[in-house]
Amino acid sequence: MPQTNLDYGKTLDWSAVSADYARHRNGYPASTFAHLKGFGIGLAGQVILDLGTGTGALAIPFARQGALVTGLDPAAGQLEAARARAIAEGLSLRLLQAPAEASGLPSAAFDALTASMCWGYFDPDKVVPEALRLLKPGGLLLISSIIWQAGKDDVAARSNALIARYNPRFDLRQGQQQAEEDPLPAWARGRFALKSYHRYHEAVAFSHEQWRGRIRASKWIGAALSPKQAAAFDREHQALLAPEPATLWIDHRIRLQVFEASA
């Protein structure tokens, strides 16, 4: 796991983007949750801890499916947004403010731990033993991501170029994606067995407002730049999108890595 990614995560302010995050980071398509059910994650009655839960991209759909979900996040703003979403849907969702590396939760309490778009920000020397402590024997760990792709999409490519102009650290993205390609990373060896590694692409529909909000809510813009810089970026992004069709279909790569805790 690249140390640069861990260090970069310490500088991000996710509470600053909670409103955009809740409205425009729509999370995973229905196909993802169908796959996860097949892998044994998100089942009714299953006790799940969602690490780095954010605004509930995994936690809320799992709760809809009848799982007993606890969401953990260090950012108060993210938890407030997740709580509002859960209340609006009438869902029972336990939310706690704490780091993944030191949850304070009981040992062997969870059937599954999940981590969407956040595992690379955790300290592996601390989070891996904590995950093993929290899981029941044979429990499952899901690490997932959904990342827009620019290879076949001109809109995404031009959005990427604009992001890189405002935040030169955007080139870390390529290194992070390469690191994610290892189905059984070093931190898992001897501790977790790989149960499933599934990767696929799916186009996701966005209005112009939604795509702007999705980018504002990213770690490269709203969570990293000053409000003044983020607003300047958004104005340029709005102008860039103006000639495009009302509905933008943006290709996304979805990665689902499921591990089983070693006995």
Protein backbone atom coordinates (compact mmCIF):
# COMPACT_ATOMS: atom_id res chain seq x y z
CA MET A 1 0.00 0.00 0.00
CA PRO A 2 1.66 3.26 -1.07
CA GLN A 3 2.62 5.44 1.86
CA THR A 4 1.87 8.52 -0.27
CA ASN A 5 -1.82 7.60 -0.35
CA LEU A 6 -1.94 7.15 3.41
CA ASP A 7 -0.27 10.51 3.95
CA TYR A 8 -2.54 12.28 1.46
CA GLY A 9 -5.61 10.97 3.25
CA LYS A 10 -4.55 12.72 6.46
CA THR A 11 -4.85 16.12 4.75
CA LEU A 12 -8.40 15.69 3.43
CA ASP A 13 -11.47 17.32 4.98
CA TRP A 14 -14.39 15.05 4.15
CA SER A 15 -16.85 17.01 6.28
CA ALA A 16 -16.36 19.92 3.86
CA VAL A 17 -17.94 17.90 1.05
CA SER A 18 -20.64 16.04 2.98
CA ALA A 19 -23.57 17.86 1.30
CA ASP A 20 -22.28 17.17 -2.22
CA TYR A 21 -21.20 13.70 -1.16
CA ALA A 22 -24.71 12.77 0.02
CA ARG A 23 -26.48 14.30 -3.00
CA HIS A 24 -24.18 13.42 -5.87
CA ARG A 25 -22.00 10.44 -4.93
CA ASN A 26 -24.76 7.98 -5.65
CA GLY A 27 -22.58 5.01 -4.88
CA TYR A 28 -22.81 1.62 -6.48
CA PRO A 29 -25.35 0.39 -9.05
CA ALA A 30 -27.84 -2.36 -8.20
CA SER A 31 -25.63 -4.90 -9.98
CA THR A 32 -22.97 -4.48 -7.29
CA PHE A 33 -25.29 -5.53 -4.48
CA ALA A 34 -26.49 -8.53 -6.49
CA HIS A 35 -22.86 -9.62 -6.84
CA LEU A 36 -22.17 -9.06 -3.15
CA LYS A 37 -25.15 -11.17 -2.10
CA GLY A 38 -23.65 -13.96 -4.18
CA PHE A 39 -20.39 -13.53 -2.26
CA GLY A 40 -22.28 -13.72 1.07
CA ILE A 41 -22.25 -10.02 1.96
CA GLY A 42 -25.34 -7.89 2.63
CA LEU A 43 -27.66 -10.71 3.68
CA ALA A 44 -30.70 -10.18 5.88
CA GLY A 45 -29.75 -10.47 9.55
CA GLN A 46 -26.02 -10.28 8.86
CA VAL A 47 -24.09 -8.11 11.35
CA ILE A 48 -21.92 -5.70 9.33
CA LEU A 49 -19.43 -2.99 10.29
CA ASP A 50 -18.86 -0.48 7.47
CA LEU A 51 -15.48 1.20 7.93
CA GLY A 52 -15.09 4.73 6.59
CA THR A 53 -18.82 4.69 5.96
CA GLY A 54 -18.99 8.27 4.66
CA THR A 55 -22.59 9.05 3.79
CA GLY A 56 -23.54 5.38 3.65
CA ALA A 57 -22.80 4.21 0.09
CA LEU A 58 -22.62 0.62 1.35
CA ALA A 59 -24.24 0.90 4.78
CA ILE A 60 -27.61 2.22 3.60
CA PRO A 61 -28.18 -0.36 0.83
CA PHE A 62 -27.14 -3.15 3.22
CA ALA A 63 -29.64 -1.84 5.80
CA ARG A 64 -32.33 -1.81 3.10
CA GLN A 65 -31.60 -5.50 2.54
CA GLY A 66 -32.19 -6.27 6.22
CA ALA A 67 -28.59 -6.41 7.46
CA LEU A 68 -27.76 -5.07 10.94
CA VAL A 69 -25.31 -2.32 10.05
CA THR A 70 -22.94 -0.14 12.06
CA GLY A 71 -21.23 2.66 10.15
CA LEU A 72 -17.90 3.98 11.43
CA ASP A 73 -16.25 7.22 10.26
CA PRO A 74 -13.97 9.85 11.81
CA ALA A 75 -15.72 12.76 10.01
CA ALA A 76 -18.73 14.17 11.87
CA GLY A 77 -20.15 15.83 8.74
CA GLN A 78 -20.19 12.54 6.86
CA LEU A 79 -22.00 10.80 9.70
CA GLU A 80 -24.59 13.59 9.91
CA ALA A 81 -25.32 13.18 6.20
CA ALA A 82 -25.56 9.39 6.54
CA ARG A 83 -27.90 9.76 9.51
CA ALA A 84 -30.17 12.12 7.55
CA ARG A 85 -30.31 9.67 4.64
CA ALA A 86 -31.16 6.76 6.95
CA ILE A 87 -33.89 8.73 8.74
CA ALA A 88 -35.41 9.81 5.41
CA GLU A 89 -35.71 6.14 4.40
CA GLY A 90 -36.86 4.93 7.81
CA LEU A 91 -33.80 2.68 8.17
CA SER A 92 -32.20 1.49 11.37
CA LEU A 93 -28.51 2.34 11.08
CA ARG A 94 -26.05 2.66 13.97
CA LEU A 95 -23.43 5.37 13.31
CA LEU A 96 -20.29 5.95 15.36
CA GLN A 97 -17.49 8.50 15.09
CA ALA A 98 -14.14 6.73 15.39
CA PRO A 99 -11.13 5.76 13.26
CA ALA A 100 -11.08 2.34 11.63
CA GLU A 101 -7.79 1.54 13.33
CA ALA A 102 -9.26 1.96 16.84
CA SER A 103 -13.00 1.37 16.72
CA GLY A 104 -13.54 0.68 20.42
CA LEU A 105 -16.10 -1.98 19.46
CA PRO A 106 -16.29 -5.48 20.98
CA SER A 107 -14.17 -8.34 19.65
CA ALA A 108 -15.67 -11.02 17.40
CA ALA A 109 -18.87 -8.99 17.02
CA PHE A 110 -19.29 -8.85 13.23
CA ASP A 111 -20.03 -11.29 10.44
CA ALA A 112 -18.52 -8.93 7.88
CA LEU A 113 -16.47 -5.75 7.64
CA THR A 114 -16.75 -3.54 4.57
CA ALA A 115 -14.65 -0.64 3.30
CA SER A 116 -15.61 1.37 0.22
CA MET A 117 -13.12 3.79 -1.34
CA CYS A 118 -11.20 4.13 1.91
CA TRP A 119 -8.95 1.15 2.66
CA GLY A 120 -5.90 2.92 1.22
CA TYR A 121 -6.23 5.71 3.81
CA PHE A 122 -5.97 3.35 6.78
CA ASP A 123 -2.71 2.43 8.49
CA PRO A 124 -2.29 -1.25 7.50
CA ASP A 125 -0.18 -2.04 10.57
CA LYS A 126 -3.13 -1.05 12.77
CA VAL A 127 -6.28 -1.66 10.74
CA VAL A 128 -5.53 -5.29 9.77
CA PRO A 129 -5.19 -6.54 13.39
CA GLU A 130 -8.24 -4.47 14.32
CA ALA A 131 -10.26 -6.04 11.51
CA LEU A 132 -9.25 -9.54 12.62
CA ARG A 133 -10.20 -8.68 16.21
CA LEU A 134 -13.63 -7.41 15.21
CA LEU A 135 -14.58 -10.28 12.92
CA LYS A 136 -16.16 -13.52 14.05
CA PRO A 137 -14.20 -16.67 13.10
CA GLY A 138 -14.41 -17.06 9.33
CA GLY A 139 -15.81 -13.54 8.96
CA LEU A 140 -15.61 -11.67 5.67
CA LEU A 141 -13.82 -8.46 4.70
CA LEU A 142 -14.97 -6.54 1.61
CA ILE A 143 -12.78 -3.88 0.02
CA SER A 144 -14.53 -2.12 -2.84
CA SER A 145 -14.16 0.83 -5.16
CA ILE A 146 -16.08 2.58 -7.92
CA ILE A 147 -13.90 4.88 -10.01
CA TRP A 148 -14.81 6.84 -13.12
CA GLN A 149 -12.76 5.96 -16.20
CA ALA A 150 -11.52 8.38 -18.83
CA GLY A 151 -10.13 5.93 -21.40
CA LYS A 152 -13.28 5.74 -23.51
CA ASP A 153 -15.05 8.87 -22.29
CA ASP A 154 -14.17 12.33 -23.60
CA VAL A 155 -16.17 14.14 -20.89
CA ALA A 156 -14.39 12.27 -18.10
CA ALA A 157 -11.03 12.82 -19.80
CA ARG A 158 -11.57 16.59 -19.98
CA SER A 159 -12.84 16.66 -16.40
CA ASN A 160 -9.68 14.80 -15.38
CA ALA A 161 -7.48 17.33 -17.18
CA LEU A 162 -9.19 20.17 -15.33
CA ILE A 163 -8.79 18.38 -11.98
CA ALA A 164 -5.07 17.90 -12.64
CA ARG A 165 -4.68 21.61 -13.39
CA TYR A 166 -6.18 22.55 -10.02
CA ASN A 167 -4.65 19.68 -8.04
CA PRO A 168 -1.34 18.33 -9.37
CA ARG A 169 -1.57 15.42 -6.90
CA PHE A 170 -4.22 13.93 -9.18
CA ASP A 171 -1.46 11.83 -10.75
CA LEU A 172 -1.50 9.71 -7.55
CA ARG A 173 -4.74 8.21 -8.91
CA GLN A 174 -2.88 6.09 -11.47
CA GLY A 175 -0.51 4.67 -8.87
CA GLN A 176 -3.40 3.89 -6.55
CA GLN A 177 -5.28 1.99 -9.26
CA GLN A 178 -2.18 -0.03 -10.10
CA ALA A 179 -1.75 -0.94 -6.41
CA GLU A 180 -5.36 -2.17 -6.31
CA GLU A 181 -4.67 -4.76 -9.04
CA ASP A 182 -3.05 -7.24 -6.61
CA PRO A 183 -5.82 -9.72 -5.69
CA LEU A 184 -3.97 -10.84 -2.54
CA PRO A 185 -1.96 -7.88 -1.21
CA ALA A 186 0.92 -8.28 1.21
CA TRP A 187 -1.09 -7.17 4.27
CA ALA A 188 -3.56 -10.06 3.72
CA ARG A 189 -1.07 -12.91 3.43
CA GLY A 190 -1.25 -15.27 6.37
CA ARG A 191 -4.20 -13.34 7.81
CA PHE A 192 -6.94 -13.46 5.19
CA ALA A 193 -7.74 -15.87 2.37
CA LEU A 194 -9.00 -14.39 -0.89
CA LYS A 195 -12.58 -15.54 -1.42
CA SER A 196 -13.46 -13.51 -4.52
CA TYR A 197 -11.95 -10.88 -6.76
CA HIS A 198 -14.43 -9.34 -9.17
CA ARG A 199 -13.94 -6.35 -11.42
CA TYR A 200 -16.30 -4.97 -14.05
CA HIS A 201 -17.34 -1.79 -15.84
CA GLU A 202 -20.74 -0.09 -15.91
CA ALA A 203 -21.86 3.26 -17.31
CA VAL A 204 -23.57 5.54 -14.77
CA ALA A 205 -25.93 8.37 -15.78
CA PHE A 206 -25.34 11.92 -14.50
CA SER A 207 -26.98 15.25 -15.20
CA HIS A 208 -24.57 18.17 -15.54
CA GLU A 209 -25.38 19.21 -11.96
CA GLN A 210 -24.80 15.68 -10.68
CA TRP A 211 -21.46 15.27 -12.46
CA ARG A 212 -20.25 18.64 -11.18
CA GLY A 213 -21.34 17.66 -7.67
CA ARG A 214 -19.69 14.27 -7.99
CA ILE A 215 -16.37 15.89 -8.88
CA ARG A 216 -16.71 18.59 -6.19
CA ALA A 217 -17.21 15.78 -3.67
CA SER A 218 -14.00 14.03 -4.68
CA LYS A 219 -10.80 13.85 -2.67
CA TRP A 220 -9.10 15.91 -5.37
CA ILE A 221 -11.38 18.98 -5.25
CA GLY A 222 -13.80 19.65 -2.39
CA ALA A 223 -11.92 17.64 0.22
CA ALA A 224 -8.48 18.98 -0.76
CA LEU A 225 -8.81 22.55 -2.08
CA SER A 226 -9.84 25.74 -0.31
CA PRO A 227 -13.49 26.80 -0.79
CA LYS A 228 -12.31 29.60 -3.12
CA GLN A 229 -10.27 27.21 -5.27
CA ALA A 230 -13.08 24.64 -5.35
CA ALA A 231 -15.58 27.30 -6.46
CA ALA A 232 -13.23 28.45 -9.25
CA PHE A 233 -12.82 24.86 -10.40
CA ASP A 234 -16.59 24.35 -10.43
CA ARG A 235 -17.17 27.43 -12.60
CA GLU A 236 -14.70 26.16 -15.17
CA HIS A 237 -16.17 22.67 -14.99
CA GLN A 238 -19.67 24.05 -15.60
CA ALA A 239 -18.42 25.86 -18.72
CA LEU A 240 -16.65 22.72 -19.92
CA LEU A 241 -19.87 20.68 -19.67
CA ALA A 242 -22.17 23.29 -21.23
CA PRO A 243 -21.99 21.95 -24.83
CA GLU A 244 -22.58 18.34 -23.76
CA PRO A 245 -25.91 16.41 -23.83
CA ALA A 246 -28.14 16.80 -20.78
CA THR A 247 -27.44 13.22 -19.67
CA LEU A 248 -23.82 12.14 -19.35
CA TRP A 249 -23.06 8.42 -19.31
CA ILE A 250 -19.77 8.02 -17.46
CA ASP A 251 -17.94 4.69 -17.51
CA HIS A 252 -17.00 3.39 -14.06
CA ARG A 253 -14.78 0.54 -12.99
CA ILE A 254 -16.16 -1.39 -10.00
CA ARG A 255 -13.84 -3.60 -7.97
CA LEU A 256 -15.02 -6.05 -5.29
CA GLN A 257 -12.37 -7.86 -3.24
CA VAL A 258 -13.70 -10.31 -0.63
CA PHE A 259 -11.46 -11.95 1.97
CA GLU A 260 -12.16 -14.54 4.64
CA ALA A 261 -10.43 -14.26 7.99
CA SER A 262 -7.95 -17.09 8.49
CA ALA A 263 -8.63 -19.46 11.36
